[in-house]
Amino acid sequence: MVAWRYNFADNDFEIAPYYNVDLARILPNEQTEVIKVPIGESLHFTVDYSGITLTYGSTTVFKLIPADLPTNQLTAFRVQPWFGGTSLPPNTLSQYLKLNNWCSSI
């Protein structure tokens, strides 16, 4: 997953790779795995079976998929976006996703 939170003090978003293996959260190991993105700016991310890649400007973060994470296509990409963290989101929040090579059946 791609985790994000609003940083009220800096007035920007913090974006990081995030995994959940059997309800155990695998959070960023270091601040170097967190990308700060100003409000109104876009970032690029790719999630596939090799890992998660986040890119903003000249900064790229890659986190390899954990070896013990089952690749279950029924749940891998079906987690809907939600806001987390300890801060409230801005009053207005928009998210635009461009999905490439997406195939889904319901």
N, C-alpha and C. Protein backbone atom coordinates (compact mmCIF):
# COMPACT_ATOMS: atom_id res chain seq x y z
N MET A 1 0.84 -1.18 0.00
CA MET A 1 0.00 0.00 0.00
C MET A 1 0.88 1.24 0.00
N VAL A 2 0.28 2.34 -0.30
CA VAL A 2 0.95 3.64 -0.20
C VAL A 2 0.30 4.37 0.96
N ALA A 3 1.07 4.60 2.00
CA ALA A 3 0.56 5.28 3.20
C ALA A 3 0.81 6.78 3.05
N TRP A 4 -0.11 7.57 3.56
CA TRP A 4 0.07 9.03 3.50
C TRP A 4 -0.59 9.65 4.72
N ARG A 5 -0.05 10.80 5.09
CA ARG A 5 -0.66 11.57 6.18
C ARG A 5 -0.35 13.04 5.95
N TYR A 6 -1.24 13.86 6.46
CA TYR A 6 -1.07 15.30 6.38
C TYR A 6 -0.20 15.74 7.56
N ASN A 7 0.83 16.52 7.28
CA ASN A 7 1.69 17.07 8.32
C ASN A 7 1.24 18.51 8.55
N PHE A 8 0.51 18.72 9.63
CA PHE A 8 -0.07 20.03 9.93
C PHE A 8 1.01 21.10 10.13
N ALA A 9 2.09 20.75 10.82
CA ALA A 9 3.15 21.72 11.11
C ALA A 9 3.84 22.21 9.84
N ASP A 10 4.07 21.31 8.88
CA ASP A 10 4.75 21.67 7.63
C ASP A 10 3.80 21.99 6.49
N ASN A 11 2.48 21.74 6.69
CA ASN A 11 1.46 21.97 5.69
C ASN A 11 1.77 21.23 4.39
N ASP A 12 2.12 19.94 4.51
CA ASP A 12 2.36 19.10 3.35
C ASP A 12 1.94 17.67 3.68
N PHE A 13 2.13 16.78 2.72
CA PHE A 13 1.81 15.37 2.92
C PHE A 13 3.09 14.57 3.04
N GLU A 14 3.05 13.53 3.85
CA GLU A 14 4.15 12.58 3.97
C GLU A 14 3.66 11.26 3.38
N ILE A 15 4.38 10.77 2.38
CA ILE A 15 4.00 9.58 1.63
C ILE A 15 5.07 8.51 1.85
N ALA A 16 4.66 7.25 2.06
CA ALA A 16 5.63 6.19 2.31
C ALA A 16 5.07 4.83 1.88
N PRO A 17 5.96 3.88 1.56
CA PRO A 17 5.51 2.51 1.29
C PRO A 17 5.10 1.84 2.59
N TYR A 18 4.11 0.98 2.51
CA TYR A 18 3.53 0.37 3.72
C TYR A 18 3.01 -1.02 3.35
N TYR A 19 3.29 -1.99 4.18
CA TYR A 19 2.76 -3.35 3.98
C TYR A 19 2.05 -3.80 5.23
N ASN A 20 1.15 -4.75 5.06
CA ASN A 20 0.44 -5.36 6.16
C ASN A 20 0.50 -6.87 5.94
N VAL A 21 1.27 -7.59 6.78
CA VAL A 21 1.41 -9.04 6.67
C VAL A 21 0.75 -9.66 7.89
N ASP A 22 -0.37 -10.34 7.67
CA ASP A 22 -1.11 -10.97 8.77
C ASP A 22 -1.37 -9.99 9.90
N LEU A 23 -1.84 -8.82 9.57
CA LEU A 23 -2.19 -7.74 10.49
C LEU A 23 -0.98 -7.11 11.18
N ALA A 24 0.22 -7.47 10.78
CA ALA A 24 1.43 -6.83 11.31
C ALA A 24 1.84 -5.73 10.34
N ARG A 25 1.88 -4.51 10.82
CA ARG A 25 2.23 -3.36 9.97
C ARG A 25 3.73 -3.33 9.72
N ILE A 26 4.09 -3.16 8.47
CA ILE A 26 5.50 -2.96 8.10
C ILE A 26 5.60 -1.52 7.63
N LEU A 27 5.99 -0.66 8.55
CA LEU A 27 6.07 0.78 8.32
C LEU A 27 7.44 1.15 7.74
N PRO A 28 7.59 2.38 7.30
CA PRO A 28 8.91 2.82 6.83
C PRO A 28 9.96 2.63 7.92
N ASN A 29 11.14 2.14 7.53
CA ASN A 29 12.23 1.93 8.49
C ASN A 29 12.89 3.22 8.91
N GLU A 30 13.00 4.15 8.02
CA GLU A 30 13.73 5.38 8.28
C GLU A 30 12.99 6.55 7.64
N GLN A 31 13.37 7.74 8.02
CA GLN A 31 12.80 8.93 7.39
C GLN A 31 13.12 8.97 5.90
N THR A 32 14.19 8.26 5.47
CA THR A 32 14.54 8.24 4.05
C THR A 32 13.51 7.49 3.21
N GLU A 33 12.61 6.75 3.85
CA GLU A 33 11.53 6.06 3.13
C GLU A 33 10.25 6.89 3.09
N VAL A 34 10.32 8.12 3.55
CA VAL A 34 9.17 9.03 3.55
C VAL A 34 9.46 10.18 2.60
N ILE A 35 8.51 10.46 1.71
CA ILE A 35 8.65 11.58 0.77
C ILE A 35 7.66 12.66 1.18
N LYS A 36 8.13 13.88 1.28
CA LYS A 36 7.26 15.02 1.59
C LYS A 36 6.77 15.61 0.26
N VAL A 37 5.46 15.78 0.15
CA VAL A 37 4.85 16.30 -1.06
C VAL A 37 4.01 17.53 -0.70
N PRO A 38 4.33 18.69 -1.30
CA PRO A 38 3.53 19.89 -1.02
C PRO A 38 2.09 19.74 -1.50
N ILE A 39 1.20 20.43 -0.85
CA ILE A 39 -0.22 20.42 -1.24
C ILE A 39 -0.33 20.93 -2.67
N GLY A 40 -1.14 20.27 -3.47
CA GLY A 40 -1.38 20.67 -4.85
C GLY A 40 -0.41 20.05 -5.84
N GLU A 41 0.62 19.37 -5.36
CA GLU A 41 1.60 18.73 -6.23
C GLU A 41 1.20 17.26 -6.47
N SER A 42 1.74 16.68 -7.54
CA SER A 42 1.48 15.29 -7.88
C SER A 42 2.71 14.44 -7.60
N LEU A 43 2.47 13.18 -7.31
CA LEU A 43 3.56 12.23 -7.19
C LEU A 43 3.22 11.02 -8.04
N HIS A 44 4.20 10.20 -8.31
CA HIS A 44 4.00 8.99 -9.10
C HIS A 44 4.31 7.80 -8.21
N PHE A 45 3.48 6.78 -8.27
CA PHE A 45 3.80 5.56 -7.54
C PHE A 45 3.40 4.35 -8.36
N THR A 46 4.15 3.28 -8.17
CA THR A 46 3.88 2.01 -8.82
C THR A 46 3.84 0.94 -7.74
N VAL A 47 2.80 0.13 -7.78
CA VAL A 47 2.67 -0.99 -6.86
C VAL A 47 2.53 -2.24 -7.72
N ASP A 48 3.48 -3.17 -7.57
CA ASP A 48 3.39 -4.43 -8.28
C ASP A 48 3.94 -5.54 -7.39
N TYR A 49 4.10 -6.71 -7.93
CA TYR A 49 4.51 -7.85 -7.11
C TYR A 49 5.99 -7.84 -6.77
N SER A 50 6.75 -6.85 -7.23
CA SER A 50 8.15 -6.75 -6.82
C SER A 50 8.30 -5.77 -5.65
N GLY A 51 7.41 -4.80 -5.56
CA GLY A 51 7.47 -3.84 -4.47
C GLY A 51 6.71 -2.57 -4.78
N ILE A 52 7.01 -1.54 -4.00
CA ILE A 52 6.36 -0.24 -4.14
C ILE A 52 7.44 0.79 -4.49
N THR A 53 7.18 1.57 -5.53
CA THR A 53 8.08 2.65 -5.92
C THR A 53 7.31 3.96 -5.84
N LEU A 54 7.85 4.93 -5.10
CA LEU A 54 7.26 6.26 -4.98
C LEU A 54 8.24 7.26 -5.57
N THR A 55 7.73 8.22 -6.34
CA THR A 55 8.60 9.23 -6.93
C THR A 55 7.93 10.59 -6.85
N TYR A 56 8.69 11.56 -6.34
CA TYR A 56 8.28 12.96 -6.37
C TYR A 56 9.50 13.77 -6.76
N GLY A 57 9.44 14.46 -7.88
CA GLY A 57 10.59 15.23 -8.37
C GLY A 57 11.77 14.31 -8.61
N SER A 58 12.90 14.61 -8.00
CA SER A 58 14.09 13.78 -8.17
C SER A 58 14.25 12.75 -7.05
N THR A 59 13.25 12.65 -6.16
CA THR A 59 13.32 11.71 -5.04
C THR A 59 12.53 10.45 -5.37
N THR A 60 13.18 9.30 -5.23
CA THR A 60 12.52 8.01 -5.44
C THR A 60 12.79 7.11 -4.24
N VAL A 61 11.75 6.42 -3.81
CA VAL A 61 11.84 5.45 -2.72
C VAL A 61 11.31 4.13 -3.26
N PHE A 62 12.04 3.05 -3.01
CA PHE A 62 11.57 1.70 -3.38
C PHE A 62 11.63 0.82 -2.14
N LYS A 63 10.56 0.08 -1.90
CA LYS A 63 10.53 -0.88 -0.79
C LYS A 63 10.13 -2.23 -1.36
N LEU A 64 11.04 -3.19 -1.23
CA LEU A 64 10.84 -4.54 -1.73
C LEU A 64 9.67 -5.20 -1.02
N ILE A 65 8.92 -5.99 -1.74
CA ILE A 65 7.81 -6.71 -1.14
C ILE A 65 8.35 -7.72 -0.13
N PRO A 66 7.76 -7.84 1.06
CA PRO A 66 8.23 -8.81 2.05
C PRO A 66 8.10 -10.24 1.51
N ALA A 67 9.08 -11.07 1.81
CA ALA A 67 9.09 -12.45 1.31
C ALA A 67 7.88 -13.25 1.78
N ASP A 68 7.36 -12.95 2.98
CA ASP A 68 6.24 -13.72 3.52
C ASP A 68 4.87 -13.11 3.22
N LEU A 69 4.82 -12.14 2.33
CA LEU A 69 3.54 -11.54 1.97
C LEU A 69 2.90 -12.35 0.86
N PRO A 70 1.73 -12.96 1.11
CA PRO A 70 1.07 -13.73 0.05
C PRO A 70 0.58 -12.80 -1.05
N THR A 71 0.75 -13.22 -2.28
CA THR A 71 0.31 -12.41 -3.42
C THR A 71 -1.10 -12.84 -3.80
N ASN A 72 -2.06 -12.40 -3.04
CA ASN A 72 -3.46 -12.74 -3.24
C ASN A 72 -4.10 -11.61 -4.04
N GLN A 73 -4.41 -11.88 -5.29
CA GLN A 73 -4.95 -10.82 -6.14
C GLN A 73 -6.32 -10.33 -5.70
N LEU A 74 -7.04 -11.09 -4.87
CA LEU A 74 -8.35 -10.64 -4.41
C LEU A 74 -8.26 -9.50 -3.42
N THR A 75 -7.13 -9.35 -2.73
CA THR A 75 -7.02 -8.29 -1.74
C THR A 75 -5.86 -7.34 -2.00
N ALA A 76 -4.94 -7.70 -2.86
CA ALA A 76 -3.70 -6.94 -3.00
C ALA A 76 -3.94 -5.48 -3.35
N PHE A 77 -4.84 -5.18 -4.24
CA PHE A 77 -5.03 -3.80 -4.68
C PHE A 77 -6.45 -3.30 -4.42
N ARG A 78 -7.16 -3.93 -3.51
CA ARG A 78 -8.55 -3.54 -3.28
C ARG A 78 -8.76 -2.79 -1.99
N VAL A 79 -7.71 -2.31 -1.40
CA VAL A 79 -7.83 -1.49 -0.21
C VAL A 79 -8.14 -0.07 -0.65
N GLN A 80 -9.27 0.45 -0.21
CA GLN A 80 -9.67 1.79 -0.61
C GLN A 80 -8.89 2.84 0.17
N PRO A 81 -8.68 4.02 -0.41
CA PRO A 81 -7.96 5.07 0.29
C PRO A 81 -8.73 5.53 1.54
N TRP A 82 -8.00 5.80 2.58
CA TRP A 82 -8.58 6.40 3.78
C TRP A 82 -7.51 7.26 4.43
N PHE A 83 -7.94 8.17 5.27
CA PHE A 83 -6.99 9.06 5.91
C PHE A 83 -6.62 8.49 7.26
N GLY A 84 -5.32 8.47 7.56
CA GLY A 84 -4.85 7.95 8.84
C GLY A 84 -3.90 8.94 9.49
N GLY A 85 -3.27 8.52 10.54
CA GLY A 85 -2.35 9.39 11.25
C GLY A 85 -3.03 10.06 12.42
N THR A 86 -2.33 10.98 13.05
CA THR A 86 -2.86 11.64 14.24
C THR A 86 -3.39 13.03 13.95
N SER A 87 -3.27 13.50 12.70
CA SER A 87 -3.73 14.84 12.35
C SER A 87 -4.98 14.75 11.48
N LEU A 88 -5.78 15.79 11.53
CA LEU A 88 -6.96 15.85 10.68
C LEU A 88 -6.56 16.25 9.27
N PRO A 89 -7.28 15.76 8.25
CA PRO A 89 -6.97 16.17 6.88
C PRO A 89 -7.43 17.60 6.65
N PRO A 90 -6.92 18.23 5.58
CA PRO A 90 -7.42 19.56 5.22
C PRO A 90 -8.93 19.49 4.94
N ASN A 91 -9.57 20.63 4.93
CA ASN A 91 -11.01 20.64 4.70
C ASN A 91 -11.40 20.04 3.37
N THR A 92 -10.61 20.30 2.33
CA THR A 92 -10.89 19.76 1.01
C THR A 92 -9.71 18.90 0.59
N LEU A 93 -10.01 17.69 0.17
CA LEU A 93 -8.97 16.77 -0.24
C LEU A 93 -9.42 16.06 -1.50
N SER A 94 -8.59 16.09 -2.53
CA SER A 94 -8.90 15.42 -3.79
C SER A 94 -7.81 14.43 -4.11
N GLN A 95 -8.19 13.30 -4.65
CA GLN A 95 -7.24 12.29 -5.06
C GLN A 95 -7.60 11.85 -6.46
N TYR A 96 -6.64 11.91 -7.37
CA TYR A 96 -6.82 11.49 -8.74
C TYR A 96 -5.87 10.33 -9.01
N LEU A 97 -6.40 9.22 -9.48
CA LEU A 97 -5.59 8.06 -9.77
C LEU A 97 -5.63 7.75 -11.26
N LYS A 98 -4.49 7.53 -11.84
CA LYS A 98 -4.40 7.05 -13.21
C LYS A 98 -3.96 5.60 -13.12
N LEU A 99 -4.79 4.70 -13.57
CA LEU A 99 -4.50 3.28 -13.46
C LEU A 99 -4.07 2.76 -14.83
N ASN A 100 -2.87 2.21 -14.89
CA ASN A 100 -2.34 1.62 -16.12
C ASN A 100 -2.45 0.11 -16.03
N ASN A 101 -2.81 -0.52 -17.14
CA ASN A 101 -2.87 -1.97 -17.21
C ASN A 101 -3.70 -2.58 -16.09
N TRP A 102 -4.80 -1.94 -15.76
CA TRP A 102 -5.65 -2.38 -14.67
C TRP A 102 -6.73 -3.29 -15.22
N CYS A 103 -6.89 -4.42 -14.58
CA CYS A 103 -7.93 -5.38 -14.97
C CYS A 103 -8.62 -5.81 -13.69
N SER A 104 -9.92 -5.73 -13.68
CA SER A 104 -10.65 -6.10 -12.48
C SER A 104 -11.96 -6.75 -12.87
N SER A 105 -12.38 -7.70 -12.11
CA SER A 105 -13.70 -8.28 -12.31
C SER A 105 -14.39 -8.36 -10.97
N ILE A 106 -15.66 -8.06 -10.98
CA ILE A 106 -16.43 -8.06 -9.72
C ILE A 106 -17.56 -9.06 -9.84
